[in-house]
Amino acid sequence: MASYRIKKIESLIKEELSLVFLHKLRDPKLGLVTVTGVKLSPDLKIAKVYLSVFERENREEILNKVNEINSMIRTLLAKKVYLNRVPELKFFIDDTQDYVEKMDDLFKKIKDDNEG
């Protein structure tokens, strides 16, 4: 179980990265990007950042663009959070919504099969 301190830092990084994506990064190629979660390593050196992307067709392209500007994002984050060391950021696409939609479709299919 993660410590209270790690959870607090994860929450802080998530909030500040959300603001960075909303206000500081004005690249139209990124579209609408939302930070859905942050998971820190126990030593606080690596942060896995999960992103939700509005344009599903361009997910990989947007993720590649975010990775290209990773150092700039980390610099902007460092200006907002007061940590001894800002963790290395690793970005991933959060596909939770896809999974939820897939499960909904399965439940609907089961319901339709039982009714029909």
PDB file of N, CA and C in Angstrom:
ATOM      1  N   MET A   1       0.847  -1.185   0.000  1.00  0.00           N
ATOM      2  CA  MET A   1       0.000   0.000   0.000  1.00  0.00           C
ATOM      3  C   MET A   1       0.894   1.250   0.000  1.00  0.00           C
ATOM      4  N   ALA A   2       0.563   2.191  -0.850  1.00  0.00           N
ATOM      5  CA  ALA A   2       1.349   3.418  -0.965  1.00  0.00           C
ATOM      6  C   ALA A   2       1.174   4.277   0.280  1.00  0.00           C
ATOM      7  N   SER A   3       2.224   4.947   0.637  1.00  0.00           N
ATOM      8  CA  SER A   3       2.172   5.794   1.819  1.00  0.00           C
ATOM      9  C   SER A   3       1.327   7.040   1.556  1.00  0.00           C
ATOM     10  N   TYR A   4       0.951   7.666   2.625  1.00  0.00           N
ATOM     11  CA  TYR A   4       0.160   8.893   2.538  1.00  0.00           C
ATOM     12  C   TYR A   4       0.918   9.970   1.771  1.00  0.00           C
ATOM     13  N   ARG A   5       2.228  10.051   2.014  1.00  0.00           N
ATOM     14  CA  ARG A   5       3.057  11.061   1.338  1.00  0.00           C
ATOM     15  C   ARG A   5       3.069  10.841  -0.171  1.00  0.00           C
ATOM     16  N   ILE A   6       3.227   9.602  -0.592  1.00  0.00           N
ATOM     17  CA  ILE A   6       3.249   9.305  -2.028  1.00  0.00           C
ATOM     18  C   ILE A   6       1.903   9.658  -2.662  1.00  0.00           C
ATOM     19  N   LYS A   7       0.834   9.285  -2.003  1.00  0.00           N
ATOM     20  CA  LYS A   7      -0.508   9.606  -2.531  1.00  0.00           C
ATOM     21  C   LYS A   7      -0.702  11.120  -2.647  1.00  0.00           C
ATOM     22  N   LYS A   8      -0.222  11.848  -1.676  1.00  0.00           N
ATOM     23  CA  LYS A   8      -0.352  13.304  -1.683  1.00  0.00           C
ATOM     24  C   LYS A   8       0.451  13.914  -2.833  1.00  0.00           C
ATOM     25  N   ILE A   9       1.657  13.423  -3.052  1.00  0.00           N
ATOM     26  CA  ILE A   9       2.488  13.931  -4.156  1.00  0.00           C
ATOM     27  C   ILE A   9       1.880  13.547  -5.494  1.00  0.00           C
ATOM     28  N   GLU A  10       1.349  12.330  -5.609  1.00  0.00           N
ATOM     29  CA  GLU A  10       0.669  11.918  -6.843  1.00  0.00           C
ATOM     30  C   GLU A  10      -0.479  12.863  -7.172  1.00  0.00           C
ATOM     31  N   SER A  11      -1.255  13.187  -6.161  1.00  0.00           N
ATOM     32  CA  SER A  11      -2.390  14.088  -6.346  1.00  0.00           C
ATOM     33  C   SER A  11      -1.926  15.484  -6.780  1.00  0.00           C
ATOM     34  N   LEU A  12      -0.865  15.965  -6.154  1.00  0.00           N
ATOM     35  CA  LEU A  12      -0.313  17.285  -6.495  1.00  0.00           C
ATOM     36  C   LEU A  12       0.186  17.303  -7.940  1.00  0.00           C
ATOM     37  N   ILE A  13       0.926  16.274  -8.328  1.00  0.00           N
ATOM     38  CA  ILE A  13       1.453  16.205  -9.695  1.00  0.00           C
ATOM     39  C   ILE A  13       0.311  16.122 -10.698  1.00  0.00           C
ATOM     40  N   LYS A  14      -0.706  15.331 -10.396  1.00  0.00           N
ATOM     41  CA  LYS A  14      -1.861  15.205 -11.296  1.00  0.00           C
ATOM     42  C   LYS A  14      -2.538  16.561 -11.486  1.00  0.00           C
ATOM     43  N   GLU A  15      -2.760  17.259 -10.397  1.00  0.00           N
ATOM     44  CA  GLU A  15      -3.426  18.570 -10.462  1.00  0.00           C
ATOM     45  C   GLU A  15      -2.597  19.567 -11.266  1.00  0.00           C
ATOM     46  N   GLU A  16      -1.309  19.634 -10.982  1.00  0.00           N
ATOM     47  CA  GLU A  16      -0.450  20.617 -11.671  1.00  0.00           C
ATOM     48  C   GLU A  16      -0.254  20.260 -13.145  1.00  0.00           C
ATOM     49  N   LEU A  17      -0.115  18.973 -13.458  1.00  0.00           N
ATOM     50  CA  LEU A  17       0.008  18.581 -14.863  1.00  0.00           C
ATOM     51  C   LEU A  17      -1.280  18.879 -15.627  1.00  0.00           C
ATOM     52  N   SER A  18      -2.405  18.696 -14.976  1.00  0.00           N
ATOM     53  CA  SER A  18      -3.685  19.038 -15.612  1.00  0.00           C
ATOM     54  C   SER A  18      -3.717  20.507 -15.994  1.00  0.00           C
ATOM     55  N   LEU A  19      -3.235  21.354 -15.104  1.00  0.00           N
ATOM     56  CA  LEU A  19      -3.184  22.791 -15.387  1.00  0.00           C
ATOM     57  C   LEU A  19      -2.180  23.106 -16.488  1.00  0.00           C
ATOM     58  N   VAL A  20      -1.063  22.400 -16.508  1.00  0.00           N
ATOM     59  CA  VAL A  20      -0.065  22.598 -17.572  1.00  0.00           C
ATOM     60  C   VAL A  20      -0.695  22.276 -18.922  1.00  0.00           C
ATOM     61  N   PHE A  21      -1.367  21.124 -19.022  1.00  0.00           N
ATOM     62  CA  PHE A  21      -1.989  20.740 -20.290  1.00  0.00           C
ATOM     63  C   PHE A  21      -3.113  21.704 -20.679  1.00  0.00           C
ATOM     64  N   LEU A  22      -3.818  22.222 -19.697  1.00  0.00           N
ATOM     65  CA  LEU A  22      -4.950  23.107 -19.982  1.00  0.00           C
ATOM     66  C   LEU A  22      -4.506  24.517 -20.371  1.00  0.00           C
ATOM     67  N   HIS A  23      -3.515  25.065 -19.667  1.00  0.00           N
ATOM     68  CA  HIS A  23      -3.178  26.480 -19.849  1.00  0.00           C
ATOM     69  C   HIS A  23      -1.853  26.754 -20.553  1.00  0.00           C
ATOM     70  N   LYS A  24      -0.871  25.913 -20.359  1.00  0.00           N
ATOM     71  CA  LYS A  24       0.474  26.209 -20.876  1.00  0.00           C
ATOM     72  C   LYS A  24       0.741  25.615 -22.257  1.00  0.00           C
ATOM     73  N   LEU A  25       0.176  24.471 -22.537  1.00  0.00           N
ATOM     74  CA  LEU A  25       0.426  23.810 -23.820  1.00  0.00           C
ATOM     75  C   LEU A  25      -0.707  24.141 -24.771  1.00  0.00           C
ATOM     76  N   ARG A  26      -0.445  25.002 -25.693  1.00  0.00           N
ATOM     77  CA  ARG A  26      -1.479  25.463 -26.616  1.00  0.00           C
ATOM     78  C   ARG A  26      -1.230  24.934 -28.029  1.00  0.00           C
ATOM     79  N   ASP A  27      -0.805  23.694 -28.105  1.00  0.00           N
ATOM     80  CA  ASP A  27      -0.534  23.078 -29.398  1.00  0.00           C
ATOM     81  C   ASP A  27      -1.816  22.434 -29.919  1.00  0.00           C
ATOM     82  N   PRO A  28      -2.329  22.898 -31.058  1.00  0.00           N
ATOM     83  CA  PRO A  28      -3.574  22.322 -31.584  1.00  0.00           C
ATOM     84  C   PRO A  28      -3.441  20.845 -31.948  1.00  0.00           C
ATOM     85  N   LYS A  29      -2.222  20.379 -32.167  1.00  0.00           N
ATOM     86  CA  LYS A  29      -2.018  18.963 -32.481  1.00  0.00           C
ATOM     87  C   LYS A  29      -2.345  18.070 -31.290  1.00  0.00           C
ATOM     88  N   LEU A  30      -2.269  18.629 -30.086  1.00  0.00           N
ATOM     89  CA  LEU A  30      -2.555  17.838 -28.887  1.00  0.00           C
ATOM     90  C   LEU A  30      -4.051  17.636 -28.669  1.00  0.00           C
ATOM     91  N   GLY A  31      -4.847  18.584 -29.115  1.00  0.00           N
ATOM     92  CA  GLY A  31      -6.282  18.461 -28.887  1.00  0.00           C
ATOM     93  C   GLY A  31      -6.590  18.541 -27.401  1.00  0.00           C
ATOM     94  N   LEU A  32      -7.630  17.831 -26.986  1.00  0.00           N
ATOM     95  CA  LEU A  32      -8.042  17.832 -25.586  1.00  0.00           C
ATOM     96  C   LEU A  32      -7.405  16.637 -24.876  1.00  0.00           C
ATOM     97  N   VAL A  33      -6.456  16.931 -23.993  1.00  0.00           N
ATOM     98  CA  VAL A  33      -5.751  15.904 -23.230  1.00  0.00           C
ATOM     99  C   VAL A  33      -6.065  16.110 -21.756  1.00  0.00           C
ATOM    100  N   THR A  34      -6.440  15.030 -21.076  1.00  0.00           N
ATOM    101  CA  THR A  34      -6.773  15.086 -19.662  1.00  0.00           C
ATOM    102  C   THR A  34      -5.877  14.126 -18.895  1.00  0.00           C
ATOM    103  N   VAL A  35      -5.343  14.581 -17.781  1.00  0.00           N
ATOM    104  CA  VAL A  35      -4.548  13.711 -16.916  1.00  0.00           C
ATOM    105  C   VAL A  35      -5.522  12.953 -16.015  1.00  0.00           C
ATOM    106  N   THR A  36      -5.548  11.625 -16.159  1.00  0.00           N
ATOM    107  CA  THR A  36      -6.507  10.826 -15.391  1.00  0.00           C
ATOM    108  C   THR A  36      -5.885  10.176 -14.166  1.00  0.00           C
ATOM    109  N   GLY A  37      -4.565  10.076 -14.151  1.00  0.00           N
ATOM    110  CA  GLY A  37      -3.937   9.458 -12.996  1.00  0.00           C
ATOM    111  C   GLY A  37      -2.431   9.601 -13.022  1.00  0.00           C
ATOM    112  N   VAL A  38      -1.843   9.502 -11.829  1.00  0.00           N
ATOM    113  CA  VAL A  38      -0.383   9.534 -11.685  1.00  0.00           C
ATOM    114  C   VAL A  38      -0.015   8.463 -10.663  1.00  0.00           C
ATOM    115  N   LYS A  39       0.958   7.638 -11.014  1.00  0.00           N
ATOM    116  CA  LYS A  39       1.474   6.613 -10.098  1.00  0.00           C
ATOM    117  C   LYS A  39       2.966   6.824  -9.933  1.00  0.00           C
ATOM    118  N   LEU A  40       3.381   7.078  -8.703  1.00  0.00           N
ATOM    119  CA  LEU A  40       4.795   7.317  -8.401  1.00  0.00           C
ATOM    120  C   LEU A  40       5.479   6.032  -7.955  1.00  0.00           C
ATOM    121  N   SER A  41       6.740   5.902  -8.329  1.00  0.00           N
ATOM    122  CA  SER A  41       7.533   4.785  -7.817  1.00  0.00           C
ATOM    123  C   SER A  41       7.826   5.066  -6.337  1.00  0.00           C
ATOM    124  N   PRO A  42       8.087   4.014  -5.556  1.00  0.00           N
ATOM    125  CA  PRO A  42       8.339   4.219  -4.119  1.00  0.00           C
ATOM    126  C   PRO A  42       9.502   5.169  -3.815  1.00  0.00           C
ATOM    127  N   ASP A  43      10.490   5.240  -4.728  1.00  0.00           N
ATOM    128  CA  ASP A  43      11.619   6.138  -4.500  1.00  0.00           C
ATOM    129  C   ASP A  43      11.376   7.546  -5.048  1.00  0.00           C
ATOM    130  N   LEU A  44      10.178   7.794  -5.590  1.00  0.00           N
ATOM    131  CA  LEU A  44       9.741   9.094  -6.116  1.00  0.00           C
ATOM    132  C   LEU A  44      10.541   9.559  -7.332  1.00  0.00           C
ATOM    133  N   LYS A  45      11.223   8.658  -8.012  1.00  0.00           N
ATOM    134  CA  LYS A  45      12.042   9.055  -9.155  1.00  0.00           C
ATOM    135  C   LYS A  45      11.294   8.989 -10.478  1.00  0.00           C
ATOM    136  N   ILE A  46      10.261   8.154 -10.546  1.00  0.00           N
ATOM    137  CA  ILE A  46       9.522   7.974 -11.801  1.00  0.00           C
ATOM    138  C   ILE A  46       8.037   8.139 -11.531  1.00  0.00           C
ATOM    139  N   ALA A  47       7.387   8.923 -12.392  1.00  0.00           N
ATOM    140  CA  ALA A  47       5.930   9.096 -12.313  1.00  0.00           C
ATOM    141  C   ALA A  47       5.323   8.601 -13.616  1.00  0.00           C
ATOM    142  N   LYS A  48       4.446   7.619 -13.510  1.00  0.00           N
ATOM    143  CA  LYS A  48       3.677   7.169 -14.666  1.00  0.00           C
ATOM    144  C   LYS A  48       2.437   8.047 -14.733  1.00  0.00           C
ATOM    145  N   VAL A  49       2.297   8.745 -15.839  1.00  0.00           N
ATOM    146  CA  VAL A  49       1.194   9.691 -16.009  1.00  0.00           C
ATOM    147  C   VAL A  49       0.238   9.116 -17.052  1.00  0.00           C
ATOM    148  N   TYR A  50      -1.024   8.953 -16.658  1.00  0.00           N
ATOM    149  CA  TYR A  50      -2.033   8.383 -17.548  1.00  0.00           C
ATOM    150  C   TYR A  50      -2.877   9.500 -18.135  1.00  0.00           C
ATOM    151  N   LEU A  51      -2.995   9.482 -19.463  1.00  0.00           N
ATOM    152  CA  LEU A  51      -3.695  10.535 -20.190  1.00  0.00           C
ATOM    153  C   LEU A  51      -4.911   9.978 -20.904  1.00  0.00           C
ATOM    154  N   SER A  52      -5.961  10.766 -20.898  1.00  0.00           N
ATOM    155  CA  SER A  52      -7.140  10.479 -21.697  1.00  0.00           C
ATOM    156  C   SER A  52      -7.152  11.481 -22.843  1.00  0.00           C
ATOM    157  N   VAL A  53      -7.344  10.967 -24.048  1.00  0.00           N
ATOM    158  CA  VAL A  53      -7.292  11.804 -25.243  1.00  0.00           C
ATOM    159  C   VAL A  53      -8.659  11.794 -25.900  1.00  0.00           C
ATOM    160  N   PHE A  54      -9.172  12.986 -26.207  1.00  0.00           N
ATOM    161  CA  PHE A  54     -10.497  13.097 -26.800  1.00  0.00           C
ATOM    162  C   PHE A  54     -10.548  12.473 -28.190  1.00  0.00           C
ATOM    163  N   GLU A  55      -9.533  12.735 -28.998  1.00  0.00           N
ATOM    164  CA  GLU A  55      -9.497  12.212 -30.362  1.00  0.00           C
ATOM    165  C   GLU A  55      -8.908  10.804 -30.343  1.00  0.00           C
ATOM    166  N   ARG A  56      -9.756   9.808 -30.298  1.00  0.00           N
ATOM    167  CA  ARG A  56      -9.296   8.420 -30.178  1.00  0.00           C
ATOM    168  C   ARG A  56      -8.482   7.954 -31.378  1.00  0.00           C
ATOM    169  N   GLU A  57      -8.787   8.462 -32.557  1.00  0.00           N
ATOM    170  CA  GLU A  57      -8.085   8.014 -33.762  1.00  0.00           C
ATOM    171  C   GLU A  57      -6.612   8.425 -33.730  1.00  0.00           C
ATOM    172  N   ASN A  58      -6.317   9.518 -33.065  1.00  0.00           N
ATOM    173  CA  ASN A  58      -4.964  10.089 -33.078  1.00  0.00           C
ATOM    174  C   ASN A  58      -4.208   9.856 -31.774  1.00  0.00           C
ATOM    175  N   ARG A  59      -4.612   8.881 -30.986  1.00  0.00           N
ATOM    176  CA  ARG A  59      -4.002   8.668 -29.671  1.00  0.00           C
ATOM    177  C   ARG A  59      -2.489   8.505 -29.730  1.00  0.00           C
ATOM    178  N   GLU A  60      -2.040   7.616 -30.588  1.00  0.00           N
ATOM    179  CA  GLU A  60      -0.599   7.337 -30.647  1.00  0.00           C
ATOM    180  C   GLU A  60       0.184   8.563 -31.105  1.00  0.00           C
ATOM    181  N   GLU A  61      -0.360   9.271 -32.068  1.00  0.00           N
ATOM    182  CA  GLU A  61       0.291  10.493 -32.560  1.00  0.00           C
ATOM    183  C   GLU A  61       0.382  11.536 -31.445  1.00  0.00           C
ATOM    184  N   ILE A  62      -0.691  11.697 -30.686  1.00  0.00           N
ATOM    185  CA  ILE A  62      -0.709  12.666 -29.587  1.00  0.00           C
ATOM    186  C   ILE A  62       0.256  12.231 -28.482  1.00  0.00           C
ATOM    187  N   LEU A  63       0.271  10.926 -28.176  1.00  0.00           N
ATOM    188  CA  LEU A  63       1.198  10.426 -27.163  1.00  0.00           C
ATOM    189  C   LEU A  63       2.650  10.663 -27.592  1.00  0.00           C
ATOM    190  N   ASN A  64       2.935  10.450 -28.857  1.00  0.00           N
ATOM    191  CA  ASN A  64       4.290  10.714 -29.372  1.00  0.00           C
ATOM    192  C   ASN A  64       4.644  12.190 -29.238  1.00  0.00           C
ATOM    193  N   LYS A  65       3.690  13.068 -29.528  1.00  0.00           N
ATOM    194  CA  LYS A  65       3.914  14.511 -29.408  1.00  0.00           C
ATOM    195  C   LYS A  65       4.187  14.895 -27.946  1.00  0.00           C
ATOM    196  N   VAL A  66       3.398  14.323 -27.037  1.00  0.00           N
ATOM    197  CA  VAL A  66       3.598  14.596 -25.608  1.00  0.00           C
ATOM    198  C   VAL A  66       4.985  14.118 -25.175  1.00  0.00           C
ATOM    199  N   ASN A  67       5.392  12.955 -25.646  1.00  0.00           N
ATOM    200  CA  ASN A  67       6.724  12.440 -25.298  1.00  0.00           C
ATOM    201  C   ASN A  67       7.836  13.307 -25.875  1.00  0.00           C
ATOM    202  N   GLU A  68       7.597  13.922 -27.035  1.00  0.00           N
ATOM    203  CA  GLU A  68       8.589  14.820 -27.624  1.00  0.00           C
ATOM    204  C   GLU A  68       8.821  16.056 -26.760  1.00  0.00           C
ATOM    205  N   ILE A  69       7.768  16.531 -26.117  1.00  0.00           N
ATOM    206  CA  ILE A  69       7.881  17.743 -25.291  1.00  0.00           C
ATOM    207  C   ILE A  69       7.938  17.410 -23.794  1.00  0.00           C
ATOM    208  N   ASN A  70       8.301  16.174 -23.488  1.00  0.00           N
ATOM    209  CA  ASN A  70       8.366  15.698 -22.117  1.00  0.00           C
ATOM    210  C   ASN A  70       9.236  16.589 -21.235  1.00  0.00           C
ATOM    211  N   SER A  71      10.402  16.965 -21.722  1.00  0.00           N
ATOM    212  CA  SER A  71      11.306  17.780 -20.897  1.00  0.00           C
ATOM    213  C   SER A  71      10.715  19.162 -20.622  1.00  0.00           C
ATOM    214  N   MET A  72      10.014  19.727 -21.591  1.00  0.00           N
ATOM    215  CA  MET A  72       9.371  21.017 -21.378  1.00  0.00           C
ATOM    216  C   MET A  72       8.245  20.884 -20.341  1.00  0.00           C
ATOM    217  N   ILE A  73       7.473  19.813 -20.423  1.00  0.00           N
ATOM    218  CA  ILE A  73       6.396  19.582 -19.451  1.00  0.00           C
ATOM    219  C   ILE A  73       6.983  19.427 -18.056  1.00  0.00           C
ATOM    220  N   ARG A  74       8.075  18.690 -17.954  1.00  0.00           N
ATOM    221  CA  ARG A  74       8.726  18.486 -16.655  1.00  0.00           C
ATOM    222  C   ARG A  74       9.244  19.811 -16.092  1.00  0.00           C
ATOM    223  N   THR A  75       9.779  20.658 -16.949  1.00  0.00           N
ATOM    224  CA  THR A  75      10.265  21.976 -16.522  1.00  0.00           C
ATOM    225  C   THR A  75       9.113  22.834 -16.009  1.00  0.00           C
ATOM    226  N   LEU A  76       8.002  22.832 -16.743  1.00  0.00           N
ATOM    227  CA  LEU A  76       6.825  23.594 -16.307  1.00  0.00           C
ATOM    228  C   LEU A  76       6.301  23.062 -14.977  1.00  0.00           C
ATOM    229  N   LEU A  77       6.320  21.744 -14.813  1.00  0.00           N
ATOM    230  CA  LEU A  77       5.884  21.141 -13.551  1.00  0.00           C
ATOM    231  C   LEU A  77       6.811  21.549 -12.412  1.00  0.00           C
ATOM    232  N   ALA A  78       8.110  21.570 -12.675  1.00  0.00           N
ATOM    233  CA  ALA A  78       9.089  21.923 -11.639  1.00  0.00           C
ATOM    234  C   ALA A  78       8.885  23.341 -11.121  1.00  0.00           C
ATOM    235  N   LYS A  79       8.370  24.219 -11.971  1.00  0.00           N
ATOM    236  CA  LYS A  79       8.104  25.594 -11.551  1.00  0.00           C
ATOM    237  C   LYS A  79       6.890  25.690 -10.639  1.00  0.00           C
ATOM    238  N   LYS A  80       6.046  24.653 -10.650  1.00  0.00           N
ATOM    239  CA  LYS A  80       4.809  24.689  -9.871  1.00  0.00           C
ATOM    240  C   LYS A  80       4.857  23.883  -8.579  1.00  0.00           C
ATOM    241  N   VAL A  81       5.649  22.824  -8.555  1.00  0.00           N
ATOM    242  CA  VAL A  81       5.699  21.980  -7.356  1.00  0.00           C
ATOM    243  C   VAL A  81       7.039  22.160  -6.665  1.00  0.00           C
ATOM    244  N   TYR A  82       7.021  22.105  -5.365  1.00  0.00           N
ATOM    245  CA  TYR A  82       8.228  22.295  -4.586  1.00  0.00           C
ATOM    246  C   TYR A  82       8.677  20.942  -4.040  1.00  0.00           C
ATOM    247  N   LEU A  83       9.419  20.233  -4.886  1.00  0.00           N
ATOM    248  CA  LEU A  83       9.981  18.945  -4.512  1.00  0.00           C
ATOM    249  C   LEU A  83      11.495  19.034  -4.673  1.00  0.00           C
ATOM    250  N   ASN A  84      12.216  18.237  -3.897  1.00  0.00           N
ATOM    251  CA  ASN A  84      13.678  18.219  -4.048  1.00  0.00           C
ATOM    252  C   ASN A  84      14.060  17.825  -5.460  1.00  0.00           C
ATOM    253  N   ARG A  85      13.319  16.886  -6.002  1.00  0.00           N
ATOM    254  CA  ARG A  85      13.584  16.417  -7.354  1.00  0.00           C
ATOM    255  C   ARG A  85      12.249  16.086  -8.016  1.00  0.00           C
ATOM    256  N   VAL A  86      12.030  16.656  -9.167  1.00  0.00           N
ATOM    257  CA  VAL A  86      10.798  16.360  -9.918  1.00  0.00           C
ATOM    258  C   VAL A  86      11.010  15.014 -10.605  1.00  0.00           C
ATOM    259  N   PRO A  87      10.068  14.095 -10.434  1.00  0.00           N
ATOM    260  CA  PRO A  87      10.259  12.766 -11.013  1.00  0.00           C
ATOM    261  C   PRO A  87      10.295  12.782 -12.540  1.00  0.00           C
ATOM    262  N   GLU A  88      10.940  11.766 -13.088  1.00  0.00           N
ATOM    263  CA  GLU A  88      10.934  11.556 -14.531  1.00  0.00           C
ATOM    264  C   GLU A  88       9.504  11.182 -14.922  1.00  0.00           C
ATOM    265  N   LEU A  89       8.984  11.808 -15.976  1.00  0.00           N
ATOM    266  CA  LEU A  89       7.606  11.577 -16.388  1.00  0.00           C
ATOM    267  C   LEU A  89       7.558  10.562 -17.526  1.00  0.00           C
ATOM    268  N   LYS A  90       6.725   9.558 -17.353  1.00  0.00           N
ATOM    269  CA  LYS A  90       6.488   8.565 -18.406  1.00  0.00           C
ATOM    270  C   LYS A  90       4.989   8.592 -18.696  1.00  0.00           C
ATOM    271  N   PHE A  91       4.644   8.891 -19.935  1.00  0.00           N
ATOM    272  CA  PHE A  91       3.245   9.067 -20.306  1.00  0.00           C
ATOM    273  C   PHE A  91       2.674   7.804 -20.943  1.00  0.00           C
ATOM    274  N   PHE A  92       1.416   7.524 -20.589  1.00  0.00           N
ATOM    275  CA  PHE A  92       0.686   6.378 -21.115  1.00  0.00           C
ATOM    276  C   PHE A  92      -0.740   6.801 -21.436  1.00  0.00           C
ATOM    277  N   ILE A  93      -1.336   6.131 -22.406  1.00  0.00           N
ATOM    278  CA  ILE A  93      -2.745   6.371 -22.717  1.00  0.00           C
ATOM    279  C   ILE A  93      -3.589   5.572 -21.734  1.00  0.00           C
ATOM    280  N   ASP A  94      -4.556   6.216 -21.130  1.00  0.00           N
ATOM    281  CA  ASP A  94      -5.490   5.562 -20.219  1.00  0.00           C
ATOM    282  C   ASP A  94      -6.649   5.014 -21.047  1.00  0.00           C
ATOM    283  N   ASP A  95      -6.736   3.703 -21.135  1.00  0.00           N
ATOM    284  CA  ASP A  95      -7.789   3.091 -21.944  1.00  0.00           C
ATOM    285  C   ASP A  95      -8.941   2.567 -21.099  1.00  0.00           C
ATOM    286  N   THR A  96      -9.095   3.082 -19.905  1.00  0.00           N
ATOM    287  CA  THR A  96     -10.164   2.652 -19.011  1.00  0.00           C
ATOM    288  C   THR A  96     -11.537   2.873 -19.636  1.00  0.00           C
ATOM    289  N   GLN A  97     -11.733   4.015 -20.280  1.00  0.00           N
ATOM    290  CA  GLN A  97     -13.031   4.322 -20.880  1.00  0.00           C
ATOM    291  C   GLN A  97     -13.369   3.311 -21.980  1.00  0.00           C
ATOM    292  N   ASP A  98     -12.378   2.903 -22.750  1.00  0.00           N
ATOM    293  CA  ASP A  98     -12.602   1.882 -23.781  1.00  0.00           C
ATOM    294  C   ASP A  98     -13.062   0.580 -23.146  1.00  0.00           C
ATOM    295  N   TYR A  99     -12.426   0.213 -22.046  1.00  0.00           N
ATOM    296  CA  TYR A  99     -12.782  -1.015 -21.338  1.00  0.00           C
ATOM    297  C   TYR A  99     -14.213  -0.936 -20.803  1.00  0.00           C
ATOM    298  N   VAL A 100     -14.581   0.214 -20.245  1.00  0.00           N
ATOM    299  CA  VAL A 100     -15.934   0.401 -19.717  1.00  0.00           C
ATOM    300  C   VAL A 100     -16.965   0.277 -20.842  1.00  0.00           C
ATOM    301  N   GLU A 101     -16.681   0.903 -21.969  1.00  0.00           N
ATOM    302  CA  GLU A 101     -17.606   0.824 -23.105  1.00  0.00           C
ATOM    303  C   GLU A 101     -17.725  -0.602 -23.622  1.00  0.00           C
ATOM    304  N   LYS A 102     -16.624  -1.316 -23.652  1.00  0.00           N
ATOM    305  CA  LYS A 102     -16.645  -2.709 -24.097  1.00  0.00           C
ATOM    306  C   LYS A 102     -17.493  -3.564 -23.153  1.00  0.00           C
ATOM    307  N   MET A 103     -17.343  -3.344 -21.859  1.00  0.00           N
ATOM    308  CA  MET A 103     -18.136  -4.082 -20.872  1.00  0.00           C
ATOM    309  C   MET A 103     -19.615  -3.743 -21.008  1.00  0.00           C
ATOM    310  N   ASP A 104     -19.930  -2.451 -21.213  1.00  0.00           N
ATOM    311  CA  ASP A 104     -21.327  -2.052 -21.420  1.00  0.00           C
ATOM    312  C   ASP A 104     -21.929  -2.765 -22.621  1.00  0.00           C
ATOM    313  N   ASP A 105     -21.166  -2.830 -23.708  1.00  0.00           N
ATOM    314  CA  ASP A 105     -21.647  -3.517 -24.910  1.00  0.00           C
ATOM    315  C   ASP A 105     -21.906  -4.997 -24.628  1.00  0.00           C
ATOM    316  N   LEU A 106     -21.014  -5.617 -23.863  1.00  0.00           N
ATOM    317  CA  LEU A 106     -21.212  -7.029 -23.515  1.00  0.00           C
ATOM    318  C   LEU A 106     -22.461  -7.222 -22.666  1.00  0.00           C
ATOM    319  N   PHE A 107     -22.678  -6.350 -21.697  1.00  0.00           N
ATOM    320  CA  PHE A 107     -23.863  -6.447 -20.853  1.00  0.00           C
ATOM    321  C   PHE A 107     -25.141  -6.241 -21.657  1.00  0.00           C
ATOM    322  N   LYS A 108     -25.102  -5.290 -22.584  1.00  0.00           N
ATOM    323  CA  LYS A 108     -26.268  -5.061 -23.447  1.00  0.00           C
ATOM    324  C   LYS A 108     -26.552  -6.283 -24.309  1.00  0.00           C
ATOM    325  N   LYS A 109     -25.496  -6.893 -24.827  1.00  0.00           N
ATOM    326  CA  LYS A 109     -25.661  -8.076 -25.659  1.00  0.00           C
ATOM    327  C   LYS A 109     -26.257  -9.228 -24.843  1.00  0.00           C
ATOM    328  N   ILE A 110     -25.763  -9.418 -23.628  1.00  0.00           N
ATOM    329  CA  ILE A 110     -26.297 -10.474 -22.757  1.00  0.00           C
ATOM    330  C   ILE A 110     -27.764 -10.206 -22.447  1.00  0.00           C
ATOM    331  N   LYS A 111     -28.088  -8.948 -22.165  1.00  0.00           N
ATOM    332  CA  LYS A 111     -29.473  -8.584 -21.859  1.00  0.00           C
ATOM    333  C   LYS A 111     -30.373  -8.848 -23.066  1.00  0.00           C
ATOM    334  N   ASP A 112     -29.909  -8.453 -24.261  1.00  0.00           N
ATOM    335  CA  ASP A 112     -30.682  -8.675 -25.481  1.00  0.00           C
ATOM    336  C   ASP A 112     -30.866 -10.162 -25.758  1.00  0.00           C
ATOM    337  N   ASP A 113     -29.824 -10.962 -25.523  1.00  0.00           N
ATOM    338  CA  ASP A 113     -29.910 -12.411 -25.737  1.00  0.00           C
ATOM    339  C   ASP A 113     -30.901 -13.053 -24.777  1.00  0.00           C
ATOM    340  N   ASN A 114     -30.928 -12.577 -23.533  1.00  0.00           N
ATOM    341  CA  ASN A 114     -31.855 -13.129 -22.540  1.00  0.00           C
ATOM    342  C   ASN A 114     -33.299 -12.729 -22.830  1.00  0.00           C
ATOM    343  N   GLU A 115     -33.495 -11.537 -23.394  1.00  0.00           N
ATOM    344  CA  GLU A 115     -34.846 -11.077 -23.715  1.00  0.00           C
ATOM    345  C   GLU A 115     -35.367 -11.710 -24.996  1.00  0.00           C
ATOM    346  N   GLY A 116     -34.460 -12.027 -25.901  1.00  0.00           N
ATOM    347  CA  GLY A 116     -34.862 -12.518 -27.213  1.00  0.00           C
ATOM    348  C   GLY A 116     -34.872 -13.970 -27.310  1.00  0.00           C
TER     349      GLY A 116
END
